[in-house]
Protein backbone atom coordinates (compact mmCIF):
# COMPACT_ATOMS: atom_id res chain seq x y z
CA MET A 1 11.45 32.72 -71.83
CA PRO A 2 9.86 29.31 -71.23
CA ASP A 3 10.31 27.29 -74.41
CA SER A 4 7.29 25.06 -74.14
CA PHE A 5 4.82 27.85 -73.42
CA PHE A 6 5.08 28.92 -77.04
CA LYS A 7 4.51 25.50 -78.59
CA LYS A 8 0.92 25.24 -77.40
CA GLY A 9 -2.01 26.23 -79.56
CA ILE A 10 -1.23 28.87 -82.15
CA LEU A 11 1.78 30.59 -80.60
CA CYS A 12 4.59 31.23 -83.02
CA PRO A 13 7.75 29.26 -82.21
CA LEU A 14 9.83 32.11 -83.62
CA LEU A 15 9.22 33.76 -80.28
CA LEU A 16 11.46 31.10 -78.77
CA ILE A 17 14.47 33.16 -79.80
CA SER A 18 13.27 36.15 -77.82
CA THR A 19 15.13 37.15 -74.68
CA PHE A 20 12.24 39.14 -73.24
CA SER A 21 10.50 38.06 -70.06
CA PHE A 22 7.60 35.76 -70.81
CA ALA A 23 5.29 37.99 -68.79
CA GLN A 24 5.82 40.71 -71.39
CA VAL A 25 4.66 38.63 -74.33
CA ALA A 26 1.21 38.07 -75.74
CA VAL A 27 0.53 36.82 -79.24
CA PRO A 28 -2.26 38.58 -81.12
CA VAL A 29 -4.85 36.56 -83.00
CA GLU A 30 -6.81 38.23 -85.77
CA LYS A 31 -10.49 38.48 -84.97
CA THR A 32 -12.32 36.17 -87.35
CA LYS A 33 -15.68 34.63 -88.01
CA THR A 34 -16.46 31.18 -86.68
CA ASN A 35 -17.21 28.34 -89.06
CA THR A 36 -20.83 27.77 -88.09
CA SER A 37 -22.01 31.18 -86.89
CA SER A 38 -24.73 30.98 -84.26
CA ALA A 39 -24.33 27.24 -83.72
CA TYR A 40 -21.68 27.93 -81.11
CA ARG A 41 -24.06 29.66 -78.73
CA GLN A 42 -26.67 27.80 -76.76
CA PRO A 43 -29.71 29.16 -74.89
CA SER A 44 -29.00 30.71 -71.53
CA THR A 45 -28.29 28.32 -68.68
CA THR A 46 -29.62 30.82 -66.16
CA ASN A 47 -32.48 29.50 -63.99
CA ARG A 48 -32.04 25.89 -65.12
CA GLN A 49 -32.92 23.21 -62.63
CA PRO A 50 -29.79 21.94 -60.88
CA LEU A 51 -28.43 18.64 -62.08
CA SER A 52 -26.81 16.01 -59.90
CA ASP A 53 -23.02 16.13 -59.94
CA SER A 54 -22.92 12.95 -62.01
CA ALA A 55 -25.45 14.24 -64.53
CA LEU A 56 -23.57 17.52 -64.83
CA LEU A 57 -20.32 15.69 -65.56
CA ASP A 58 -22.11 13.51 -68.12
CA MET A 59 -23.48 16.54 -69.89
CA VAL A 60 -20.17 18.44 -69.96
CA GLN A 61 -18.20 15.45 -71.22
CA LYS A 62 -20.76 14.61 -73.90
CA GLN A 63 -21.14 18.18 -75.13
CA THR A 64 -17.38 18.69 -75.25
CA PHE A 65 -16.86 15.40 -77.08
CA LYS A 66 -18.91 16.79 -79.97
CA TYR A 67 -15.94 18.94 -80.95
CA PHE A 68 -14.09 15.77 -81.95
CA TRP A 69 -17.10 14.10 -83.53
CA GLU A 70 -19.45 16.57 -85.17
CA PHE A 71 -16.66 19.09 -85.90
CA SER A 72 -13.93 16.65 -86.93
CA HIS A 73 -12.47 17.09 -90.39
CA PRO A 74 -14.77 15.34 -92.89
CA VAL A 75 -11.95 13.77 -94.93
CA SER A 76 -9.47 12.67 -92.27
CA GLY A 77 -11.68 12.49 -89.20
CA LEU A 78 -8.89 14.26 -87.29
CA ALA A 79 -9.39 17.19 -84.93
CA ARG A 80 -9.43 20.68 -86.32
CA GLU A 81 -7.00 23.02 -84.61
CA ARG A 82 -9.71 25.44 -83.53
CA SER A 83 -13.29 26.42 -84.29
CA ASN A 84 -12.46 29.81 -85.76
CA THR A 85 -10.21 30.39 -88.72
CA THR A 86 -7.62 32.96 -89.71
CA PRO A 87 -5.93 33.61 -93.05
CA ALA A 88 -2.91 31.70 -91.76
CA TYR A 89 -5.00 28.65 -90.85
CA GLY A 90 -7.71 28.23 -93.42
CA ASN A 91 -10.45 25.66 -92.93
CA GLU A 92 -8.37 22.54 -93.46
CA VAL A 93 -5.83 22.58 -90.62
CA VAL A 94 -5.90 19.61 -88.25
CA THR A 95 -3.72 19.24 -85.19
CA THR A 96 -1.63 16.16 -84.52
CA GLY A 97 -1.57 16.38 -80.73
CA GLY A 98 -5.17 17.53 -80.48
CA SER A 99 -6.17 14.57 -82.62
CA GLY A 100 -4.53 12.25 -80.10
CA PHE A 101 -6.66 13.87 -77.42
CA GLY A 102 -9.66 13.42 -79.70
CA VAL A 103 -8.97 9.70 -80.04
CA MET A 104 -9.13 9.44 -76.27
CA ALA A 105 -12.40 11.40 -76.21
CA ILE A 106 -13.86 8.97 -78.76
CA ILE A 107 -12.92 6.08 -76.45
CA VAL A 108 -14.81 7.80 -73.62
CA ALA A 109 -17.83 8.31 -75.87
CA THR A 110 -17.78 4.64 -76.86
CA GLU A 111 -17.49 3.47 -73.26
CA ARG A 112 -20.40 5.69 -72.20
CA HIS A 113 -22.51 4.56 -75.19
CA TRP A 114 -22.85 7.99 -76.78
CA ILE A 115 -21.70 6.42 -80.04
CA ASN A 116 -21.80 2.88 -81.38
CA ARG A 117 -18.60 0.85 -81.03
CA ASP A 118 -18.39 -0.09 -84.71
CA THR A 119 -19.06 3.50 -85.70
CA ALA A 120 -16.18 4.62 -83.50
CA VAL A 121 -13.85 2.02 -85.00
CA LYS A 122 -14.75 3.05 -88.56
CA HIS A 123 -14.07 6.69 -87.72
CA LEU A 124 -10.70 5.85 -86.17
CA LEU A 125 -9.80 3.61 -89.11
CA LYS A 126 -10.45 6.53 -91.44
CA SER A 127 -8.04 8.66 -89.40
CA VAL A 128 -5.35 5.99 -89.13
CA LYS A 129 -5.49 5.23 -92.85
CA PHE A 130 -5.16 8.95 -93.52
CA LEU A 131 -2.15 9.20 -91.20
CA SER A 132 -0.46 6.27 -92.95
CA LYS A 133 -0.38 8.35 -96.15
CA ALA A 134 0.14 11.78 -94.58
CA ASN A 135 3.47 13.57 -94.40
CA SER A 136 5.77 12.37 -91.66
CA TYR A 137 9.50 12.65 -91.15
CA HIS A 138 11.23 9.47 -90.05
CA GLY A 139 7.76 8.44 -88.88
CA ILE A 140 7.34 11.56 -86.73
CA PHE A 141 4.39 13.77 -87.65
CA PRO A 142 4.34 17.56 -87.98
CA HIS A 143 2.38 19.79 -85.64
CA TRP A 144 -0.23 20.56 -88.30
CA LEU A 145 -1.54 18.75 -91.36
CA ASN A 146 -3.95 19.68 -94.08
CA GLY A 147 -6.91 17.53 -93.10
CA ALA A 148 -7.92 16.95 -96.70
CA THR A 149 -4.53 16.16 -98.28
CA GLY A 150 -2.21 15.09 -95.46
CA ILE A 151 0.37 17.66 -96.50
CA THR A 152 2.28 19.48 -93.75
CA VAL A 153 0.99 22.91 -92.82
CA PRO A 154 3.96 24.81 -91.35
CA PHE A 155 3.52 25.87 -87.75
CA SER A 156 6.01 28.63 -88.50
CA ARG A 157 8.48 29.38 -91.27
CA LYS A 158 11.06 26.88 -89.98
CA ASP A 159 8.76 24.55 -88.08
CA ASP A 160 7.68 22.57 -91.12
CA GLY A 161 8.74 19.04 -90.27
CA ALA A 162 8.82 16.55 -87.42
CA ASP A 163 7.36 17.54 -84.03
CA VAL A 164 8.11 14.78 -81.54
CA VAL A 165 6.00 16.24 -78.73
CA GLU A 166 2.84 16.56 -80.83
CA THR A 167 3.53 13.05 -82.13
CA ALA A 168 3.75 11.79 -78.55
CA TYR A 169 0.28 13.19 -77.80
CA LEU A 170 -1.01 11.48 -80.94
CA PHE A 171 0.39 8.10 -79.90
CA GLU A 172 -0.81 8.59 -76.33
CA GLY A 173 -4.29 8.43 -77.85
CA LEU A 174 -3.63 5.79 -80.49
CA LEU A 175 -2.11 3.32 -78.01
CA CYS A 176 -5.14 3.76 -75.76
CA ALA A 177 -7.33 2.97 -78.79
CA ARG A 178 -5.27 -0.13 -79.56
CA GLN A 179 -5.80 -1.36 -76.01
CA TYR A 180 -9.51 -0.49 -75.86
CA PHE A 181 -10.66 -1.87 -79.21
CA ASN A 182 -9.51 -5.39 -78.43
CA GLN A 183 -12.34 -7.49 -79.84
CA ASN A 184 -11.73 -10.23 -82.38
CA THR A 185 -13.56 -8.52 -85.23
CA ALA A 186 -12.12 -7.72 -88.63
CA LEU A 187 -12.48 -3.97 -88.08
CA GLU A 188 -10.90 -3.92 -84.65
CA LYS A 189 -8.04 -6.18 -85.71
CA GLU A 190 -7.36 -3.91 -88.68
CA LEU A 191 -7.38 -0.84 -86.41
CA ARG A 192 -4.90 -2.44 -84.00
CA ASN A 193 -2.63 -3.59 -86.81
CA ARG A 194 -2.58 -0.19 -88.48
CA ILE A 195 -1.81 1.55 -85.19
CA ASN A 196 1.03 -0.89 -84.58
CA VAL A 197 2.50 -0.12 -88.01
CA LEU A 198 2.48 3.63 -87.34
CA TRP A 199 3.92 3.04 -83.87
CA SER A 200 6.71 0.83 -85.23
CA GLN A 201 7.65 3.40 -87.88
CA ALA A 202 8.10 6.35 -85.50
CA GLU A 203 11.85 7.02 -85.19
CA TRP A 204 12.03 8.66 -81.79
CA SER A 205 15.80 8.15 -81.74
CA TRP A 206 16.16 10.39 -84.81
CA LEU A 207 15.54 13.35 -82.48
CA GLN A 208 18.56 12.47 -80.31
CA ARG A 209 21.71 14.51 -81.00
CA ASP A 210 25.05 15.40 -79.42
CA GLN A 211 26.24 11.79 -79.15
CA GLY A 212 22.82 10.88 -77.79
CA ASN A 213 22.96 13.34 -74.90
CA SER A 214 20.24 15.70 -76.19
CA TYR A 215 16.64 15.19 -77.30
CA TYR A 216 15.21 17.73 -79.71
CA TRP A 217 11.63 18.83 -80.37
CA HIS A 218 11.87 19.39 -84.13
CA TRP A 219 13.56 18.36 -87.31
CA SER A 220 12.80 19.60 -90.83
CA PRO A 221 13.98 18.32 -94.22
CA ASN A 222 14.09 21.95 -95.33
CA ASN A 223 15.60 23.54 -92.24
CA GLY A 224 17.33 20.71 -90.45
CA TRP A 225 17.78 21.37 -86.74
CA SER A 226 17.44 25.14 -86.99
CA MET A 227 14.51 25.31 -84.55
CA ASN A 228 17.08 24.17 -81.96
CA VAL A 229 14.66 23.45 -79.10
CA GLU A 230 15.93 20.85 -76.64
CA ILE A 231 13.29 19.07 -74.58
CA HIS A 232 14.41 19.87 -71.08
CA GLY A 233 13.04 21.50 -67.95
CA TRP A 234 9.70 20.61 -66.37
CA ASP A 235 6.78 21.27 -68.68
CA GLU A 236 4.27 19.24 -70.74
CA CYS A 237 6.82 16.98 -72.47
CA LEU A 238 7.36 14.01 -70.14
CA ILE A 239 5.26 11.84 -72.45
CA ALA A 240 7.78 12.36 -75.29
CA TYR A 241 10.48 10.75 -73.16
CA VAL A 242 8.26 7.92 -71.96
CA LEU A 243 7.05 6.98 -75.44
CA GLY A 244 10.51 7.45 -76.92
CA ALA A 245 11.87 4.99 -74.36
CA SER A 246 8.92 2.63 -74.95
CA SER A 247 9.53 2.12 -78.66
CA SER A 248 10.72 -1.37 -79.56
CA THR A 249 11.99 -0.25 -82.98
CA TYR A 250 13.59 3.21 -82.62
CA PRO A 251 13.95 3.90 -78.89
CA ILE A 252 15.75 6.77 -77.26
CA THR A 253 18.40 5.84 -74.72
CA ASP A 254 17.76 5.88 -71.02
CA SER A 255 20.75 8.17 -70.54
CA VAL A 256 19.19 11.06 -72.48
CA TYR A 257 16.36 11.20 -69.94
CA HIS A 258 18.89 11.91 -67.21
CA LYS A 259 21.36 13.98 -69.23
CA CYS A 260 18.92 16.26 -71.06
CA TRP A 261 15.47 16.36 -69.37
CA PRO A 262 16.54 17.72 -65.95
CA GLU A 263 19.28 20.01 -67.27
CA SER A 264 17.49 23.31 -66.87
CA ASP A 265 17.02 26.12 -64.40
CA HIS A 266 13.27 25.39 -64.41
CA PHE A 267 13.37 21.71 -63.49
CA ILE A 268 14.02 21.28 -59.76
CA ASN A 269 12.06 23.77 -57.67
CA GLY A 270 11.48 22.71 -54.04
CA ARG A 271 10.08 26.05 -52.88
CA GLU A 272 6.74 26.73 -51.19
CA TYR A 273 3.97 28.90 -52.58
CA TYR A 274 0.93 29.63 -50.41
CA GLY A 275 2.21 26.96 -48.04
CA VAL A 276 2.39 24.28 -50.77
CA LYS A 277 5.72 22.78 -51.77
CA LEU A 278 6.33 22.50 -55.51
CA PRO A 279 8.81 19.74 -56.42
CA LEU A 280 9.46 20.73 -60.04
CA GLY A 281 9.04 23.56 -62.47
CA TYR A 282 8.74 27.31 -62.75
CA PRO A 283 7.86 29.55 -59.80
CA TYR A 284 4.18 28.95 -58.95
CA GLY A 285 4.16 26.01 -61.38
CA GLY A 286 3.45 27.63 -64.73
CA PRO A 287 0.23 27.04 -66.73
CA LEU A 288 -1.89 24.09 -65.65
CA PHE A 289 -1.65 22.17 -68.93
CA PHE A 290 1.68 20.88 -67.58
CA ALA A 291 -0.38 18.71 -65.20
CA HIS A 292 -2.70 17.48 -67.95
CA TYR A 293 -1.19 16.63 -71.33
CA SER A 294 1.30 13.91 -70.38
CA PHE A 295 -1.04 12.61 -67.69
CA MET A 296 -4.07 11.96 -69.84
CA GLY A 297 -2.52 8.52 -70.35
CA LEU A 298 0.24 8.36 -67.76
CA ASN A 299 -1.31 7.65 -64.37
CA PRO A 300 0.40 9.93 -61.84
CA HIS A 301 -0.78 7.82 -58.91
CA LEU A 302 2.27 6.09 -57.42
CA LEU A 303 4.38 7.25 -60.39
CA LYS A 304 7.79 8.19 -59.01
CA ASP A 305 11.38 8.50 -60.07
CA GLU A 306 14.46 10.16 -58.63
CA TYR A 307 13.10 13.60 -59.49
CA ALA A 308 9.55 13.59 -58.14
CA ASP A 309 6.43 11.86 -56.98
CA TYR A 310 4.24 12.87 -59.93
CA TRP A 311 0.98 12.79 -58.02
CA ASP A 312 2.45 15.26 -55.52
CA GLN A 313 3.81 17.37 -58.37
CA ASN A 314 0.51 17.67 -60.18
CA TYR A 315 -1.67 17.98 -57.10
CA ASN A 316 0.53 20.67 -55.59
CA HIS A 317 0.82 22.55 -58.88
CA THR A 318 -2.98 22.60 -59.17
CA LEU A 319 -3.44 23.64 -55.55
CA ILE A 320 -1.03 26.56 -55.97
CA ASN A 321 -2.93 27.71 -59.06
CA TYR A 322 -6.21 27.49 -57.16
CA LYS A 323 -4.92 29.31 -54.07
CA TYR A 324 -3.45 32.08 -56.18
CA CYS A 325 -6.84 32.69 -57.81
CA VAL A 326 -8.61 32.63 -54.45
CA GLN A 327 -6.20 35.17 -52.99
CA ASN A 328 -6.39 37.17 -56.22
CA PRO A 329 -3.45 39.50 -55.52
CA LYS A 330 -4.12 41.57 -58.65
CA HIS A 331 -7.83 42.00 -57.79
CA PHE A 332 -9.28 40.76 -61.05
CA LYS A 333 -13.05 40.61 -61.34
CA GLY A 334 -14.60 37.19 -60.78
CA TYR A 335 -11.65 35.32 -59.26
CA GLY A 336 -12.43 33.20 -56.22
CA GLU A 337 -13.16 29.74 -54.85
CA ASN A 338 -15.60 28.98 -57.66
CA CYS A 339 -13.76 30.79 -60.47
CA TRP A 340 -10.16 29.75 -60.96
CA GLY A 341 -7.80 28.13 -63.43
CA LEU A 342 -4.88 29.68 -65.31
CA THR A 343 -3.43 27.98 -68.37
CA ALA A 344 -2.64 28.66 -72.02
CA SER A 345 -5.66 29.73 -74.05
CA ASP A 346 -7.16 32.46 -76.14
CA THR A 347 -7.42 35.77 -74.35
CA TYR A 348 -8.78 39.24 -75.02
CA ASP A 349 -5.68 40.38 -76.94
CA GLY A 350 -4.73 37.14 -78.65
CA TYR A 351 -3.31 34.00 -77.09
CA ASN A 352 -1.20 33.63 -73.97
CA ALA A 353 -0.04 31.07 -71.42
CA GLN A 354 -1.73 32.32 -68.27
CA SER A 355 -0.24 31.36 -64.90
CA PRO A 356 0.17 33.01 -61.51
CA SER A 357 3.34 34.68 -62.78
CA ASN A 358 1.68 35.70 -66.08
CA ASP A 359 -1.82 36.75 -65.10
CA PHE A 360 -3.93 39.36 -66.86
CA GLY A 361 -7.35 38.31 -65.60
CA THR A 362 -8.21 35.50 -68.05
CA ILE A 363 -9.75 32.28 -66.72
CA SER A 364 -9.68 29.19 -68.96
CA PRO A 365 -12.36 26.59 -68.06
CA THR A 366 -10.12 23.74 -69.21
CA ALA A 367 -7.70 24.50 -66.38
CA ALA A 368 -10.08 23.71 -63.51
CA LEU A 369 -12.13 21.08 -65.36
CA SER A 370 -9.12 19.08 -66.54
CA SER A 371 -7.88 19.13 -62.93
CA PHE A 372 -10.79 17.04 -61.61
CA PRO A 373 -8.49 14.10 -60.73
CA TYR A 374 -6.40 16.36 -58.49
CA THR A 375 -8.91 18.77 -56.94
CA PRO A 376 -12.42 17.35 -57.43
CA GLU A 377 -14.11 19.56 -54.83
CA TYR A 378 -12.62 22.77 -56.18
CA SER A 379 -13.12 21.70 -59.78
CA MET A 380 -16.80 20.93 -59.16
CA LYS A 381 -17.33 24.37 -57.63
CA ALA A 382 -15.79 25.92 -60.72
CA LEU A 383 -17.86 23.73 -63.05
CA LYS A 384 -21.14 24.74 -61.39
CA HIS A 385 -20.20 28.41 -61.52
CA PHE A 386 -19.16 28.21 -65.17
CA TYR A 387 -22.39 26.44 -66.13
CA TYR A 388 -25.07 27.94 -63.92
CA ASP A 389 -23.74 31.48 -63.47
CA LEU A 390 -21.77 32.13 -66.65
CA GLY A 391 -23.28 29.60 -69.03
CA ASN A 392 -25.21 32.15 -71.05
CA LYS A 393 -21.82 33.67 -71.96
CA ILE A 394 -19.46 30.69 -72.24
CA TRP A 395 -21.57 27.54 -72.86
CA GLY A 396 -22.11 26.47 -76.44
CA ALA A 397 -22.28 23.73 -79.02
CA TYR A 398 -19.03 22.10 -77.89
CA GLY A 399 -19.21 22.79 -74.18
CA PHE A 400 -17.40 25.72 -72.62
CA THR A 401 -15.69 28.19 -74.90
CA ASP A 402 -11.99 28.67 -74.51
CA ALA A 403 -11.69 31.45 -71.93
CA PHE A 404 -13.13 34.62 -70.47
CA ASN A 405 -11.96 37.78 -68.76
CA GLU A 406 -14.60 39.49 -66.65
CA SER A 407 -12.38 42.48 -65.91
CA LYS A 408 -12.33 43.18 -69.65
CA ASN A 409 -15.92 41.99 -70.22
CA TRP A 410 -14.48 39.58 -72.79
CA TYR A 411 -15.83 36.08 -73.49
CA ALA A 412 -14.31 33.85 -76.16
CA ASP A 413 -16.47 32.28 -78.83
CA SER A 414 -13.68 29.92 -79.88
CA TYR A 415 -12.91 26.29 -79.07
CA LEU A 416 -9.44 24.71 -79.29
CA ALA A 417 -8.82 20.98 -79.64
CA ILE A 418 -5.98 20.99 -77.13
CA ASP A 419 -8.24 22.58 -74.51
CA GLU A 420 -11.40 20.60 -75.27
CA GLY A 421 -9.79 17.15 -75.23
CA PRO A 422 -8.35 17.24 -71.71
CA ILE A 423 -11.77 18.16 -70.29
CA VAL A 424 -13.35 14.95 -71.59
CA VAL A 425 -10.39 12.74 -70.79
CA MET A 426 -9.37 14.01 -67.37
CA ILE A 427 -12.94 14.07 -66.09
CA GLU A 428 -13.16 10.44 -67.21
CA ASN A 429 -9.91 9.61 -65.44
CA TYR A 430 -11.40 11.14 -62.30
CA ARG A 431 -14.60 9.14 -62.67
CA SER A 432 -13.28 5.76 -63.81
CA GLY A 433 -9.56 5.91 -64.54
CA LEU A 434 -10.37 4.55 -68.01
CA LEU A 435 -7.60 6.17 -70.06
CA TRP A 436 -5.03 5.65 -67.31
CA LYS A 437 -5.86 1.95 -67.21
CA LEU A 438 -5.63 1.60 -70.97
CA PHE A 439 -2.36 3.46 -71.43
CA MET A 440 -0.63 1.88 -68.46
CA SER A 441 -1.65 -1.58 -69.67
CA CYS A 442 0.62 -1.21 -72.72
CA LYS A 443 3.54 -3.59 -72.25
CA GLU A 444 5.81 -1.23 -74.18
CA VAL A 445 4.97 1.63 -71.82
CA GLN A 446 5.65 -0.51 -68.78
CA LEU A 447 9.06 -1.44 -70.19
CA GLY A 448 9.75 2.16 -71.14
CA LEU A 449 9.04 3.37 -67.62
CA GLN A 450 11.28 0.66 -66.21
CA LYS A 451 14.00 1.68 -68.64
CA LEU A 452 13.82 5.26 -67.34
CA ASP A 453 14.01 4.04 -63.72
CA PHE A 454 10.50 4.86 -62.67
CA GLN A 455 9.61 3.06 -59.50
CA PRO A 456 6.97 0.31 -59.54
CA PRO A 457 4.07 -0.18 -59.57
CA ILE A 458 3.96 1.15 -63.12
CA ASN A 459 1.13 -0.91 -64.56
CA LYS A 460 -1.77 0.48 -62.54
């Protein structure tokens, strides 16, 4: 069973110990009320006058950004895990990785003048001050925090401590903020300084074990290393290696990247699917968030090492996902050139990591929309279909809801931070490259990539 599939969203990491085929597993989510009732639904988009492509992208980015602004936690300013609650979540849970994505969305909103620059800085300062007092473990944050108190909310019974992958997503956003808010004002200097303190305190090397030859996802003061999840095999975790290597205070070694990361039966691929060669990963590529999370900051253009050209990897992965949906071998309703995109999301019977090898008819808008940098023509077709044809069912207060399954006549009313954030950020990277430019301008990141033997140019 793919380890990383079950770390995303609300999936229980206890399932990591299962030996069943991933395709057999779906995780149920209790049906619950949303936090703001009818606010999530907007008037029908049917019969609206067509917008220009640019105006449509503006609208989608701006509406989706509201999840991280209007719906952010009022005390911490961090991103809530999701828009609906369950008894296990409550109303206070914020997500570390999703908050990093939210930081990047706030940068986009500032750049596009949807919010005032000083207002953005004050919001981010509130979040960074909160994080400085929140629970962390050797400077590494947990997956979830209580957004009012900063106390760890366990992701599962034993996952109640450090989560280095979620922390990497958080710093992916915070380092972009440090680079963007570069003016010589008291507020912006304080923001940069506070981010640098958090960055310097993160002990990435604490997660190395086995004489430095392994890199682990979790550590808990209560349960030690009992989660026992090594970060290896192609998935969404490249950023954890890059940032670990980039630290000037507690770096991981370059050797662990080569001794742990590729040591898996789902790393090197090299096979063709629908005439497209896939360099790395699971058969057919797995869910599309693999091509998004690490690459919201990391620019895959010209990014290469001994294992792959990462533009080819992500482009080909996306193309395989698209072609699978167009061919639609399982004959699900709605699939086609303008309705595609399989990734982890809510679904009709809970939550699952949809992919061509784990397909039950659920399309997740974030999959196609966050793939704009790779497949802009196909992503635009999907966007127009989602908005003009299906908008009365899936368009709401924070953009597109999480997923839909036309074969089951099921349409989510939920929004998830980890699905909303990539839409804003990756569309912006397609349009301007803003977050790529910011992240790749970090001197530490440039040195970290060099340390891991990535080929230049690495500062583009």
